[in-house]
Amino acid sequence: MLKHNSQEPTQPNRVVILGATGFVGAETMRAFEIEGTETLALGRAEIDLLDPQAESKLARLLKPTDTFVVISAEAPCKDAKMLIRNVQLMISVCAAITQIQPAHVIYVSSDAVYADSMQPLTETSSAEPSSIHGIMHLSRELMLKDAVKNILAILRPTLIYGINDPHNGYGPNRFRRLAEIGEDIVLFGKGEEQRDHILVDDVAELIRLMAWYKSSGVLNAASGIIMSFKEVAKIIIKQSTSTVAIKETLRTGGMPHNGYRPFDSTATKVSFPKFRYTPLQDGLILSFHKN
């Protein structure tokens, strides 16, 4: 659960976004720029976190009054080498934080830190990752908890979709792109896995709200509504102007998370009563419109 260290929303002095050129980072930058908050965008061009001088470079850019949003990662983390690199990236970040101690740090993690469960996941669910990607994010969370002496907030999004997703991930992002070019949507098995999907704009808005309320603690970014991948594909076909089909395939392996990944979104409602997650049908229309 989140704790608001500012009971009234207060505009951050400056927001520094590490990973500002990425999928979530770019949308987060846009959210702060629209409202007129001063921002500093840091991408790989500005700072290479694997550079031996990264710690000192980042420390020179940060101020004690900053809200520092840490999004940068090599993701999805698929193997041991990527895990090591991601930890090395965070070593540089934590070293700079230790020197400067920004007023507020927000880390964008992942729901992959949670153990599989047939019950709806909450912010207090067991953090026992079963994937290297989850291990990576949980390790980085713990590193930040050790380094940050002021306010630390951790956002754990579930599957994120949106127009500029660079990974072409299975689900809304890939299905939409296939429909746009008139290609059939190919499912894993019958597409029966049930998952929660969240629009990247909503992730950015939650980060913005956390910054304004100087929130600390953990919050999941998940709508609380699960839907099978086949249902997602049907929605996309209905919205598309192309004539495409849904094709099932023979599944060769097990279903991730046992095919079921529900969330309880109560904490979001309690933390930000006026915030509403974008329904998948509406989010997909917004994605088509942006394109």
Protein backbone atom coordinates (compact mmCIF):
# COMPACT_ATOMS: atom_id res chain seq x y z
CA MET A 1 0.00 0.00 0.00
CA LEU A 2 1.02 3.58 -0.56
CA LYS A 3 1.44 6.28 2.04
CA HIS A 4 1.04 9.87 0.87
CA ASN A 5 3.68 12.11 2.44
CA SER A 6 1.84 15.14 1.03
CA GLN A 7 -1.87 15.14 1.87
CA GLU A 8 -2.54 17.76 -0.78
CA PRO A 9 -1.19 17.32 -4.32
CA THR A 10 1.95 19.42 -4.68
CA GLN A 11 3.78 19.94 -7.96
CA PRO A 12 7.28 18.44 -7.87
CA ASN A 13 10.17 20.88 -8.03
CA ARG A 14 11.72 18.92 -10.91
CA VAL A 15 11.19 15.40 -12.23
CA VAL A 16 14.21 13.52 -13.56
CA ILE A 17 13.26 10.49 -15.64
CA LEU A 18 15.92 7.83 -16.16
CA GLY A 19 14.84 5.83 -19.20
CA ALA A 20 12.91 8.73 -20.70
CA THR A 21 13.25 7.51 -24.29
CA GLY A 22 11.68 4.13 -23.61
CA PHE A 23 8.07 2.97 -23.90
CA VAL A 24 6.96 3.90 -20.38
CA GLY A 25 9.51 6.69 -19.95
CA ALA A 26 8.40 8.66 -22.99
CA GLU A 27 4.75 8.54 -21.94
CA THR A 28 5.71 9.57 -18.41
CA MET A 29 7.70 12.52 -19.75
CA ARG A 30 4.68 13.56 -21.79
CA ALA A 31 2.40 13.44 -18.73
CA PHE A 32 4.64 15.79 -16.73
CA GLU A 33 5.34 18.12 -19.66
CA ILE A 34 1.63 18.57 -20.39
CA GLU A 35 1.03 19.89 -16.88
CA GLY A 36 4.08 22.16 -17.02
CA THR A 37 6.30 20.37 -14.50
CA GLU A 38 10.02 20.94 -15.04
CA THR A 39 11.61 17.73 -16.33
CA LEU A 40 15.01 16.33 -17.18
CA ALA A 41 14.99 13.45 -19.66
CA LEU A 42 17.85 10.97 -19.35
CA GLY A 43 18.24 8.29 -21.98
CA ARG A 44 21.20 6.25 -23.13
CA ALA A 45 22.43 9.19 -25.19
CA GLU A 46 22.72 11.30 -22.04
CA ILE A 47 24.16 8.63 -19.76
CA ASP A 48 25.37 5.07 -20.30
CA LEU A 49 24.80 3.36 -16.97
CA LEU A 50 27.39 0.68 -17.79
CA ASP A 51 30.07 3.34 -18.22
CA PRO A 52 32.54 3.33 -15.28
CA GLN A 53 31.87 7.07 -14.93
CA ALA A 54 28.07 6.68 -14.86
CA GLU A 55 27.81 7.12 -11.10
CA SER A 56 29.59 10.48 -11.07
CA LYS A 57 27.79 11.68 -14.22
CA LEU A 58 24.39 10.87 -12.78
CA ALA A 59 25.27 12.40 -9.41
CA ARG A 60 26.19 15.67 -11.12
CA LEU A 61 22.80 15.76 -12.86
CA LEU A 62 20.68 15.07 -9.77
CA LYS A 63 19.61 17.57 -7.12
CA PRO A 64 18.44 16.91 -3.54
CA THR A 65 15.09 18.52 -4.41
CA ASP A 66 14.40 16.21 -7.39
CA THR A 67 11.75 13.58 -7.89
CA PHE A 68 13.79 10.83 -9.52
CA VAL A 69 11.83 8.33 -11.62
CA VAL A 70 13.86 5.20 -12.40
CA ILE A 71 12.55 3.26 -15.38
CA SER A 72 15.72 2.31 -17.24
CA ALA A 73 16.27 -1.45 -17.65
CA GLU A 74 17.19 -4.05 -20.22
CA ALA A 75 13.83 -5.76 -20.44
CA PRO A 76 12.43 -8.27 -20.62
CA CYS A 77 15.30 -9.88 -18.72
CA LYS A 78 15.71 -13.31 -20.31
CA ASP A 79 18.98 -14.79 -19.08
CA ALA A 80 21.77 -14.58 -16.51
CA LYS A 81 23.86 -12.17 -18.55
CA MET A 82 20.97 -9.72 -18.80
CA LEU A 83 20.34 -10.12 -15.08
CA ILE A 84 23.94 -9.19 -14.30
CA ARG A 85 23.82 -6.15 -16.60
CA ASN A 86 20.59 -4.94 -15.02
CA VAL A 87 22.11 -5.24 -11.56
CA GLN A 88 25.18 -3.35 -12.78
CA LEU A 89 22.94 -0.58 -14.12
CA MET A 90 21.30 -0.28 -10.72
CA ILE A 91 24.64 -0.24 -8.91
CA SER A 92 25.45 3.01 -10.74
CA VAL A 93 21.98 4.41 -9.97
CA CYS A 94 22.15 3.52 -6.29
CA ALA A 95 25.67 4.95 -5.94
CA ALA A 96 24.47 8.28 -7.34
CA ILE A 97 21.40 8.24 -5.11
CA THR A 98 23.59 7.57 -2.07
CA GLN A 99 25.61 10.67 -2.88
CA ILE A 100 22.74 13.06 -3.61
CA GLN A 101 19.66 11.57 -1.87
CA PRO A 102 16.89 13.02 -4.08
CA ALA A 103 13.76 14.07 -2.20
CA HIS A 104 11.65 11.36 -3.83
CA VAL A 105 12.52 8.22 -5.81
CA ILE A 106 9.94 6.28 -7.85
CA TYR A 107 10.94 2.91 -9.28
CA VAL A 108 8.95 1.22 -12.05
CA SER A 109 9.24 -2.48 -11.31
CA SER A 110 7.02 -5.36 -12.49
CA ASP A 111 4.30 -7.70 -11.25
CA ALA A 112 6.73 -10.49 -12.15
CA VAL A 113 8.12 -10.19 -8.60
CA TYR A 114 5.04 -12.04 -7.27
CA ALA A 115 4.68 -15.76 -6.89
CA ASP A 116 1.96 -17.39 -8.99
CA SER A 117 -1.42 -17.45 -7.29
CA MET A 118 -4.95 -18.46 -8.15
CA GLN A 119 -6.13 -15.74 -5.76
CA PRO A 120 -6.09 -12.05 -6.75
CA LEU A 121 -2.66 -10.55 -6.14
CA THR A 122 -2.29 -7.56 -3.84
CA GLU A 123 0.60 -5.36 -2.74
CA THR A 124 1.11 -7.68 0.24
CA SER A 125 1.24 -10.89 -1.82
CA SER A 126 4.37 -13.00 -1.55
CA ALA A 127 7.27 -11.64 -3.62
CA GLU A 128 8.78 -14.92 -4.79
CA PRO A 129 9.55 -14.52 -8.49
CA SER A 130 9.65 -17.61 -10.69
CA SER A 131 11.36 -15.90 -13.64
CA ILE A 132 14.72 -14.20 -14.19
CA HIS A 133 12.81 -11.06 -15.12
CA GLY A 134 11.07 -11.09 -11.74
CA ILE A 135 14.33 -11.83 -9.91
CA MET A 136 15.90 -8.86 -11.68
CA HIS A 137 13.22 -6.42 -10.59
CA LEU A 138 13.03 -7.69 -7.02
CA SER A 139 16.82 -7.44 -6.70
CA ARG A 140 16.72 -3.84 -7.95
CA GLU A 141 13.88 -2.99 -5.56
CA LEU A 142 15.97 -4.25 -2.63
CA MET A 143 19.02 -2.31 -3.83
CA LEU A 144 16.98 0.88 -3.92
CA LYS A 145 15.50 0.25 -0.49
CA ASP A 146 19.05 0.07 0.85
CA ALA A 147 20.22 3.21 -0.98
CA VAL A 148 17.26 5.59 -0.59
CA LYS A 149 17.11 7.43 2.73
CA ASN A 150 14.23 9.77 1.83
CA ILE A 151 10.98 8.73 0.11
CA LEU A 152 10.81 5.62 -2.08
CA ALA A 153 7.77 4.45 -4.05
CA ILE A 154 7.63 1.27 -6.13
CA LEU A 155 5.12 0.76 -8.95
CA ARG A 156 4.59 -2.81 -10.15
CA PRO A 157 2.71 -2.83 -13.49
CA THR A 158 1.19 -5.91 -15.06
CA LEU A 159 1.19 -6.38 -18.87
CA ILE A 160 1.45 -2.95 -20.49
CA TYR A 161 0.11 -2.19 -23.95
CA GLY A 162 0.22 0.90 -26.14
CA ILE A 163 1.12 2.20 -29.54
CA ASN A 164 4.88 2.59 -29.08
CA ASP A 165 5.67 -0.73 -27.40
CA PRO A 166 9.11 -1.74 -28.75
CA HIS A 167 8.85 -5.43 -27.85
CA ASN A 168 5.82 -6.34 -29.95
CA GLY A 169 4.71 -8.40 -26.97
CA TYR A 170 2.19 -11.21 -27.34
CA GLY A 171 -1.25 -9.81 -26.65
CA PRO A 172 -2.81 -6.42 -27.46
CA ASN A 173 0.37 -4.92 -28.92
CA ARG A 174 1.14 -7.73 -31.37
CA PHE A 175 -2.49 -8.51 -32.18
CA ARG A 176 -3.23 -4.89 -33.05
CA ARG A 177 -0.21 -4.63 -35.34
CA LEU A 178 -1.12 -7.85 -37.14
CA ALA A 179 -4.67 -6.64 -37.70
CA GLU A 180 -3.42 -3.30 -39.01
CA ILE A 181 -1.46 -5.00 -41.81
CA GLY A 182 -4.20 -7.52 -42.54
CA GLU A 183 -2.46 -10.58 -41.11
CA ASP A 184 -4.21 -13.28 -39.10
CA ILE A 185 -3.78 -13.27 -35.31
CA VAL A 186 -2.00 -16.45 -34.20
CA LEU A 187 -2.66 -17.57 -30.64
CA PHE A 188 -0.60 -19.77 -28.33
CA GLY A 189 -2.86 -22.79 -27.99
CA LYS A 190 -6.44 -21.55 -27.83
CA GLY A 191 -5.46 -18.24 -26.27
CA GLU A 192 -7.15 -19.32 -23.06
CA GLU A 193 -4.73 -17.67 -20.60
CA GLN A 194 -6.44 -14.96 -18.58
CA ARG A 195 -4.39 -11.84 -17.89
CA ASP A 196 -4.77 -8.22 -16.85
CA HIS A 197 -3.70 -5.54 -19.34
CA ILE A 198 -2.98 -1.88 -18.58
CA LEU A 199 -2.62 1.05 -20.98
CA VAL A 200 0.78 2.77 -20.87
CA ASP A 201 -0.98 6.13 -20.38
CA ASP A 202 -2.41 4.80 -17.11
CA VAL A 203 1.03 3.76 -15.91
CA ALA A 204 2.33 7.27 -16.64
CA GLU A 205 -0.62 8.83 -14.81
CA LEU A 206 -0.01 6.71 -11.72
CA ILE A 207 3.65 7.79 -11.70
CA ARG A 208 2.53 11.41 -12.01
CA LEU A 209 0.10 11.05 -9.11
CA MET A 210 2.73 9.35 -6.95
CA ALA A 211 5.07 12.27 -7.61
CA TRP A 212 2.46 14.90 -6.71
CA TYR A 213 1.49 13.14 -3.48
CA LYS A 214 5.10 12.23 -2.61
CA SER A 215 3.95 8.67 -2.17
CA SER A 216 6.00 5.95 -0.51
CA GLY A 217 5.47 2.20 -0.45
CA VAL A 218 4.27 -0.23 -3.12
CA LEU A 219 1.43 -0.03 -5.62
CA ASN A 220 0.40 -2.50 -8.30
CA ALA A 221 -0.64 -1.07 -11.66
CA ALA A 222 -3.37 -3.48 -12.68
CA SER A 223 -7.01 -2.91 -13.54
CA GLY A 224 -8.40 -5.89 -11.65
CA ILE A 225 -10.09 -7.17 -14.81
CA ILE A 226 -8.76 -10.31 -16.48
CA MET A 227 -9.48 -11.39 -20.02
CA SER A 228 -8.31 -14.28 -22.19
CA PHE A 229 -5.99 -13.56 -25.08
CA LYS A 230 -8.63 -14.90 -27.45
CA GLU A 231 -11.12 -12.36 -26.10
CA VAL A 232 -8.52 -9.63 -26.64
CA ALA A 233 -8.05 -10.78 -30.23
CA LYS A 234 -11.80 -10.70 -30.84
CA ILE A 235 -12.04 -7.11 -29.60
CA ILE A 236 -9.19 -6.03 -31.88
CA ILE A 237 -10.74 -7.71 -34.93
CA LYS A 238 -14.06 -6.03 -34.18
CA GLN A 239 -12.34 -2.62 -34.02
CA SER A 240 -10.14 -3.19 -37.07
CA THR A 241 -11.03 -2.26 -40.64
CA SER A 242 -9.07 -5.28 -41.93
CA THR A 243 -10.53 -8.72 -42.47
CA VAL A 244 -8.39 -11.10 -40.43
CA ALA A 245 -8.93 -14.41 -38.68
CA ILE A 246 -7.91 -15.85 -35.33
CA LYS A 247 -5.79 -18.99 -35.61
CA GLU A 248 -5.21 -21.43 -32.77
CA THR A 249 -2.04 -23.52 -32.55
CA LEU A 250 -0.92 -26.65 -30.78
CA ARG A 251 0.61 -25.62 -27.47
CA THR A 252 4.03 -27.18 -26.87
CA GLY A 253 4.72 -25.93 -23.35
CA GLY A 254 2.95 -24.93 -20.19
CA MET A 255 0.99 -21.71 -19.83
CA PRO A 256 2.82 -18.85 -18.06
CA HIS A 257 1.52 -18.29 -14.50
CA ASN A 258 -0.65 -21.40 -14.93
CA GLY A 259 -2.80 -19.42 -17.35
CA TYR A 260 -4.31 -17.21 -14.67
CA ARG A 261 -3.00 -13.91 -13.20
CA PRO A 262 -5.73 -11.95 -11.35
CA PHE A 263 -5.24 -8.74 -9.34
CA ASP A 264 -7.13 -6.90 -6.64
CA SER A 265 -7.02 -3.19 -7.56
CA THR A 266 -8.42 -1.95 -4.25
CA ALA A 267 -5.15 -0.25 -3.29
CA THR A 268 -5.29 1.97 -6.37
CA LYS A 269 -8.84 3.03 -5.53
CA VAL A 270 -7.84 3.83 -1.95
CA SER A 271 -4.67 5.70 -2.91
CA PHE A 272 -6.16 7.68 -5.81
CA PRO A 273 -9.97 7.69 -5.58
CA LYS A 274 -10.46 9.80 -8.71
CA PHE A 275 -8.20 7.66 -10.90
CA ARG A 276 -9.84 5.15 -13.23
CA TYR A 277 -8.11 2.49 -15.27
CA THR A 278 -8.87 2.70 -18.99
CA PRO A 279 -11.03 -0.26 -20.10
CA LEU A 280 -9.19 -2.42 -22.63
CA GLN A 281 -11.73 -1.72 -25.38
CA ASP A 282 -11.23 2.04 -24.95
CA GLY A 283 -7.47 1.75 -24.62
CA LEU A 284 -7.20 -0.13 -27.88
CA ILE A 285 -9.23 2.57 -29.66
CA LEU A 286 -6.89 5.21 -28.20
CA SER A 287 -3.93 3.23 -29.50
CA PHE A 288 -5.39 3.02 -33.00
CA HIS A 289 -6.15 6.76 -32.87
CA LYS A 290 -2.58 7.64 -31.82
CA ASN A 291 -1.24 5.66 -34.72
